[in-house]
Amino acid sequence: MVLDVTASETNGKEIFRTSKIYMPQATDSRSNHMVLGPDKKLGLIRDTSIQPFTPKEETTEIPLPEGVTDVDLEINLTYQPRPGNVYPIHNIKKRVSLDHR
């Protein structure tokens, strides 16, 4: 699973982008470097995968340029079992106003 977060000014200019990958991370048990492929995975070091029927909350801090009070957010959650294979799970587009007047 991959979570992509994009923030843009209301004129469409992108000001922030980040991605987070959720998956079990394994090593070959000889180092702490992540390895891919079932023939090399010997030790699970961390599991950041999203578990079924379990809520997951994420917080993302977005630095805004001076004077920007309205931001268009786009959040995409996709399943990507292999490079090039992208299956959309959820998409949210929302305008957020930070004007406190």
N, C-alpha and C. Protein backbone atom coordinates (compact mmCIF):
# COMPACT_ATOMS: atom_id res chain seq x y z
N MET A 1 0.84 -1.15 0.00
CA MET A 1 0.00 0.00 0.00
C MET A 1 0.90 1.23 0.00
N VAL A 2 0.48 2.24 -0.76
CA VAL A 2 1.22 3.49 -0.84
C VAL A 2 0.25 4.65 -0.60
N LEU A 3 0.63 5.54 0.32
CA LEU A 3 -0.16 6.74 0.60
C LEU A 3 0.58 7.93 0.01
N ASP A 4 -0.07 8.63 -0.93
CA ASP A 4 0.49 9.83 -1.55
C ASP A 4 -0.31 11.04 -1.08
N VAL A 5 0.38 12.08 -0.61
CA VAL A 5 -0.26 13.32 -0.17
C VAL A 5 0.34 14.47 -0.98
N THR A 6 -0.54 15.26 -1.60
CA THR A 6 -0.10 16.41 -2.40
C THR A 6 -0.89 17.64 -1.95
N ALA A 7 -0.19 18.74 -1.74
CA ALA A 7 -0.82 20.02 -1.41
C ALA A 7 -0.47 21.03 -2.49
N SER A 8 -1.48 21.75 -2.94
CA SER A 8 -1.29 22.76 -3.99
C SER A 8 -1.98 24.05 -3.58
N GLU A 9 -1.44 25.16 -4.07
CA GLU A 9 -2.14 26.43 -3.91
C GLU A 9 -3.40 26.38 -4.76
N THR A 10 -4.33 27.29 -4.53
CA THR A 10 -5.59 27.27 -5.27
C THR A 10 -5.40 27.55 -6.76
N ASN A 11 -4.25 28.11 -7.14
CA ASN A 11 -3.96 28.34 -8.57
C ASN A 11 -3.34 27.10 -9.23
N GLY A 12 -3.17 26.01 -8.47
CA GLY A 12 -2.65 24.77 -9.02
C GLY A 12 -1.17 24.53 -8.80
N LYS A 13 -0.45 25.51 -8.26
CA LYS A 13 0.98 25.37 -8.03
C LYS A 13 1.23 24.43 -6.85
N GLU A 14 1.95 23.33 -7.12
CA GLU A 14 2.24 22.33 -6.09
C GLU A 14 3.24 22.90 -5.07
N ILE A 15 2.92 22.74 -3.78
CA ILE A 15 3.81 23.24 -2.73
C ILE A 15 4.34 22.14 -1.83
N PHE A 16 3.76 20.93 -1.91
CA PHE A 16 4.19 19.83 -1.04
C PHE A 16 3.77 18.51 -1.65
N ARG A 17 4.65 17.50 -1.50
CA ARG A 17 4.33 16.14 -1.95
C ARG A 17 5.12 15.16 -1.09
N THR A 18 4.45 14.09 -0.67
CA THR A 18 5.13 13.04 0.08
C THR A 18 4.46 11.71 -0.20
N SER A 19 5.19 10.62 -0.01
CA SER A 19 4.67 9.27 -0.15
C SER A 19 5.13 8.43 1.02
N LYS A 20 4.27 7.51 1.43
CA LYS A 20 4.63 6.58 2.49
C LYS A 20 4.22 5.18 2.06
N ILE A 21 5.16 4.24 2.20
CA ILE A 21 4.92 2.86 1.80
C ILE A 21 4.64 2.03 3.04
N TYR A 22 3.58 1.24 2.97
CA TYR A 22 3.19 0.35 4.06
C TYR A 22 3.43 -1.09 3.61
N MET A 23 4.37 -1.77 4.27
CA MET A 23 4.67 -3.15 3.92
C MET A 23 5.57 -3.78 4.98
N PRO A 24 5.57 -5.09 5.07
CA PRO A 24 6.55 -5.75 5.95
C PRO A 24 7.95 -5.52 5.39
N GLN A 25 8.90 -5.27 6.27
CA GLN A 25 10.27 -5.03 5.84
C GLN A 25 11.15 -6.14 6.42
N ALA A 26 11.87 -6.81 5.54
CA ALA A 26 12.66 -7.96 5.93
C ALA A 26 14.12 -7.77 5.57
N THR A 27 15.00 -8.51 6.27
CA THR A 27 16.43 -8.51 5.97
C THR A 27 16.88 -9.92 5.68
N ASP A 28 18.14 -10.03 5.33
CA ASP A 28 18.72 -11.35 5.11
C ASP A 28 19.34 -11.90 6.40
N SER A 29 19.09 -11.24 7.52
CA SER A 29 19.58 -11.60 8.86
C SER A 29 21.09 -11.41 9.04
N ARG A 30 21.77 -10.88 8.02
CA ARG A 30 23.20 -10.60 8.14
C ARG A 30 23.48 -9.11 8.25
N SER A 31 22.47 -8.29 7.90
CA SER A 31 22.62 -6.83 7.99
C SER A 31 21.24 -6.25 8.28
N ASN A 32 21.18 -4.93 8.42
CA ASN A 32 19.88 -4.31 8.66
C ASN A 32 19.31 -3.67 7.40
N HIS A 33 19.85 -4.00 6.22
CA HIS A 33 19.36 -3.48 4.96
C HIS A 33 18.16 -4.31 4.49
N MET A 34 17.13 -3.60 4.03
CA MET A 34 15.93 -4.28 3.55
C MET A 34 16.22 -5.02 2.25
N VAL A 35 15.67 -6.21 2.14
CA VAL A 35 15.83 -7.02 0.93
C VAL A 35 14.46 -7.35 0.36
N LEU A 36 14.41 -7.59 -0.94
CA LEU A 36 13.18 -7.99 -1.62
C LEU A 36 13.36 -9.38 -2.19
N GLY A 37 12.27 -10.09 -2.34
CA GLY A 37 12.33 -11.44 -2.91
C GLY A 37 12.23 -12.49 -1.83
N PRO A 38 11.33 -13.47 -2.01
CA PRO A 38 11.12 -14.48 -0.98
C PRO A 38 12.35 -15.34 -0.71
N ASP A 39 13.26 -15.45 -1.66
CA ASP A 39 14.46 -16.26 -1.47
C ASP A 39 15.49 -15.58 -0.58
N LYS A 40 15.35 -14.27 -0.34
CA LYS A 40 16.33 -13.53 0.46
C LYS A 40 15.80 -13.11 1.82
N LYS A 41 14.47 -13.13 2.02
CA LYS A 41 13.88 -12.66 3.27
C LYS A 41 14.01 -13.71 4.36
N LEU A 42 14.85 -13.42 5.34
CA LEU A 42 15.06 -14.35 6.45
C LEU A 42 14.61 -13.80 7.79
N GLY A 43 14.60 -12.49 7.95
CA GLY A 43 14.22 -11.90 9.23
C GLY A 43 13.35 -10.68 9.04
N LEU A 44 12.19 -10.65 9.70
CA LEU A 44 11.30 -9.51 9.63
C LEU A 44 11.74 -8.48 10.66
N ILE A 45 12.08 -7.26 10.20
CA ILE A 45 12.56 -6.23 11.13
C ILE A 45 11.48 -5.23 11.51
N ARG A 46 10.49 -5.05 10.64
CA ARG A 46 9.43 -4.08 10.92
C ARG A 46 8.27 -4.38 10.00
N ASP A 47 7.06 -4.18 10.52
CA ASP A 47 5.87 -4.38 9.70
C ASP A 47 5.02 -3.11 9.77
N THR A 48 5.05 -2.32 8.71
CA THR A 48 4.26 -1.09 8.66
C THR A 48 3.00 -1.28 7.81
N SER A 49 2.66 -2.51 7.48
CA SER A 49 1.51 -2.76 6.62
C SER A 49 0.21 -2.35 7.31
N ILE A 50 -0.79 -2.05 6.49
CA ILE A 50 -2.11 -1.69 7.00
C ILE A 50 -2.88 -2.99 7.18
N GLN A 51 -3.29 -3.26 8.41
CA GLN A 51 -3.99 -4.51 8.72
C GLN A 51 -5.48 -4.37 8.41
N PRO A 52 -6.11 -5.46 7.94
CA PRO A 52 -7.54 -5.40 7.62
C PRO A 52 -8.39 -5.07 8.85
N PHE A 53 -9.41 -4.26 8.64
CA PHE A 53 -10.39 -3.90 9.67
C PHE A 53 -9.78 -3.24 10.90
N THR A 54 -8.60 -2.67 10.76
CA THR A 54 -7.94 -1.96 11.86
C THR A 54 -7.71 -0.52 11.43
N PRO A 55 -8.28 0.43 12.17
CA PRO A 55 -8.07 1.84 11.79
C PRO A 55 -6.60 2.24 11.89
N LYS A 56 -6.19 3.11 10.99
CA LYS A 56 -4.82 3.62 10.99
C LYS A 56 -4.89 5.12 10.81
N GLU A 57 -4.26 5.86 11.69
CA GLU A 57 -4.28 7.32 11.62
C GLU A 57 -2.88 7.83 11.32
N GLU A 58 -2.79 8.76 10.38
CA GLU A 58 -1.51 9.35 10.00
C GLU A 58 -1.60 10.86 10.16
N THR A 59 -0.49 11.48 10.51
CA THR A 59 -0.40 12.93 10.60
C THR A 59 0.71 13.39 9.67
N THR A 60 0.39 14.39 8.84
CA THR A 60 1.38 14.95 7.92
C THR A 60 1.43 16.45 8.13
N GLU A 61 2.60 16.98 8.43
CA GLU A 61 2.77 18.42 8.58
C GLU A 61 3.24 18.99 7.25
N ILE A 62 2.52 20.01 6.79
CA ILE A 62 2.81 20.61 5.49
C ILE A 62 3.28 22.05 5.72
N PRO A 63 4.55 22.35 5.39
CA PRO A 63 5.02 23.73 5.52
C PRO A 63 4.41 24.59 4.40
N LEU A 64 3.79 25.70 4.78
CA LEU A 64 3.14 26.56 3.79
C LEU A 64 3.97 27.81 3.53
N PRO A 65 4.02 28.24 2.29
CA PRO A 65 4.70 29.50 1.97
C PRO A 65 3.98 30.68 2.65
N GLU A 66 4.69 31.74 2.86
CA GLU A 66 4.13 32.95 3.48
C GLU A 66 2.94 33.46 2.67
N GLY A 67 1.84 33.76 3.35
CA GLY A 67 0.67 34.33 2.69
C GLY A 67 -0.33 33.33 2.14
N VAL A 68 -0.01 32.05 2.15
CA VAL A 68 -0.95 31.04 1.65
C VAL A 68 -1.91 30.66 2.77
N THR A 69 -3.22 30.83 2.51
CA THR A 69 -4.22 30.48 3.53
C THR A 69 -5.17 29.39 3.06
N ASP A 70 -5.27 29.17 1.75
CA ASP A 70 -6.13 28.12 1.21
C ASP A 70 -5.26 27.12 0.45
N VAL A 71 -5.51 25.84 0.72
CA VAL A 71 -4.71 24.77 0.11
C VAL A 71 -5.65 23.69 -0.42
N ASP A 72 -5.35 23.18 -1.62
CA ASP A 72 -6.06 22.03 -2.17
C ASP A 72 -5.25 20.78 -1.84
N LEU A 73 -5.86 19.86 -1.10
CA LEU A 73 -5.20 18.61 -0.73
C LEU A 73 -5.72 17.47 -1.59
N GLU A 74 -4.82 16.59 -1.99
CA GLU A 74 -5.20 15.35 -2.66
C GLU A 74 -4.47 14.21 -1.96
N ILE A 75 -5.25 13.23 -1.53
CA ILE A 75 -4.70 12.07 -0.82
C ILE A 75 -5.13 10.82 -1.57
N ASN A 76 -4.15 10.01 -1.95
CA ASN A 76 -4.41 8.76 -2.69
C ASN A 76 -3.83 7.59 -1.93
N LEU A 77 -4.62 6.53 -1.79
CA LEU A 77 -4.14 5.27 -1.23
C LEU A 77 -4.25 4.24 -2.34
N THR A 78 -3.12 3.61 -2.68
CA THR A 78 -3.11 2.63 -3.76
C THR A 78 -2.42 1.35 -3.31
N TYR A 79 -2.79 0.26 -3.97
CA TYR A 79 -2.14 -1.03 -3.76
C TYR A 79 -1.19 -1.24 -4.93
N GLN A 80 0.11 -1.46 -4.62
CA GLN A 80 1.12 -1.61 -5.66
C GLN A 80 1.93 -2.87 -5.38
N PRO A 81 1.44 -4.04 -5.83
CA PRO A 81 2.15 -5.28 -5.53
C PRO A 81 3.50 -5.40 -6.26
N ARG A 82 3.62 -4.78 -7.43
CA ARG A 82 4.86 -4.79 -8.20
C ARG A 82 5.05 -3.44 -8.86
N PRO A 83 6.27 -3.05 -9.17
CA PRO A 83 6.47 -1.77 -9.88
C PRO A 83 5.66 -1.74 -11.17
N GLY A 84 4.90 -0.67 -11.35
CA GLY A 84 4.08 -0.52 -12.55
C GLY A 84 2.65 -0.98 -12.38
N ASN A 85 2.37 -1.83 -11.39
CA ASN A 85 1.00 -2.27 -11.12
C ASN A 85 0.43 -1.39 -10.01
N VAL A 86 -0.50 -0.52 -10.35
CA VAL A 86 -1.09 0.42 -9.39
C VAL A 86 -2.60 0.22 -9.39
N TYR A 87 -3.14 -0.11 -8.23
CA TYR A 87 -4.58 -0.32 -8.08
C TYR A 87 -5.13 0.69 -7.07
N PRO A 88 -5.96 1.66 -7.53
CA PRO A 88 -6.50 2.68 -6.63
C PRO A 88 -7.40 2.05 -5.56
N ILE A 89 -7.24 2.49 -4.31
CA ILE A 89 -8.08 2.04 -3.21
C ILE A 89 -8.99 3.19 -2.76
N HIS A 90 -8.40 4.36 -2.53
CA HIS A 90 -9.17 5.49 -2.02
C HIS A 90 -8.53 6.79 -2.49
N ASN A 91 -9.38 7.80 -2.76
CA ASN A 91 -8.92 9.11 -3.20
C ASN A 91 -9.76 10.18 -2.54
N ILE A 92 -9.11 11.20 -1.98
CA ILE A 92 -9.80 12.33 -1.37
C ILE A 92 -9.21 13.61 -1.93
N LYS A 93 -10.08 14.52 -2.37
CA LYS A 93 -9.66 15.87 -2.78
C LYS A 93 -10.48 16.84 -1.94
N LYS A 94 -9.77 17.78 -1.30
CA LYS A 94 -10.46 18.70 -0.41
C LYS A 94 -9.71 20.03 -0.36
N ARG A 95 -10.48 21.14 -0.33
CA ARG A 95 -9.88 22.46 -0.14
C ARG A 95 -9.94 22.78 1.35
N VAL A 96 -8.80 23.17 1.90
CA VAL A 96 -8.70 23.48 3.32
C VAL A 96 -8.33 24.96 3.47
N SER A 97 -9.09 25.66 4.30
CA SER A 97 -8.82 27.08 4.55
C SER A 97 -8.20 27.22 5.92
N LEU A 98 -7.10 27.95 6.00
CA LEU A 98 -6.40 28.17 7.26
C LEU A 98 -6.54 29.61 7.72
N ASP A 99 -7.50 30.32 7.15
CA ASP A 99 -7.74 31.71 7.51
C ASP A 99 -8.50 31.75 8.83
N HIS A 100 -7.92 32.37 9.86
CA HIS A 100 -8.50 32.36 11.19
C HIS A 100 -9.28 33.64 11.52
N ARG A 101 -9.71 34.37 10.52
CA ARG A 101 -10.44 35.62 10.80
C ARG A 101 -11.87 35.36 11.14
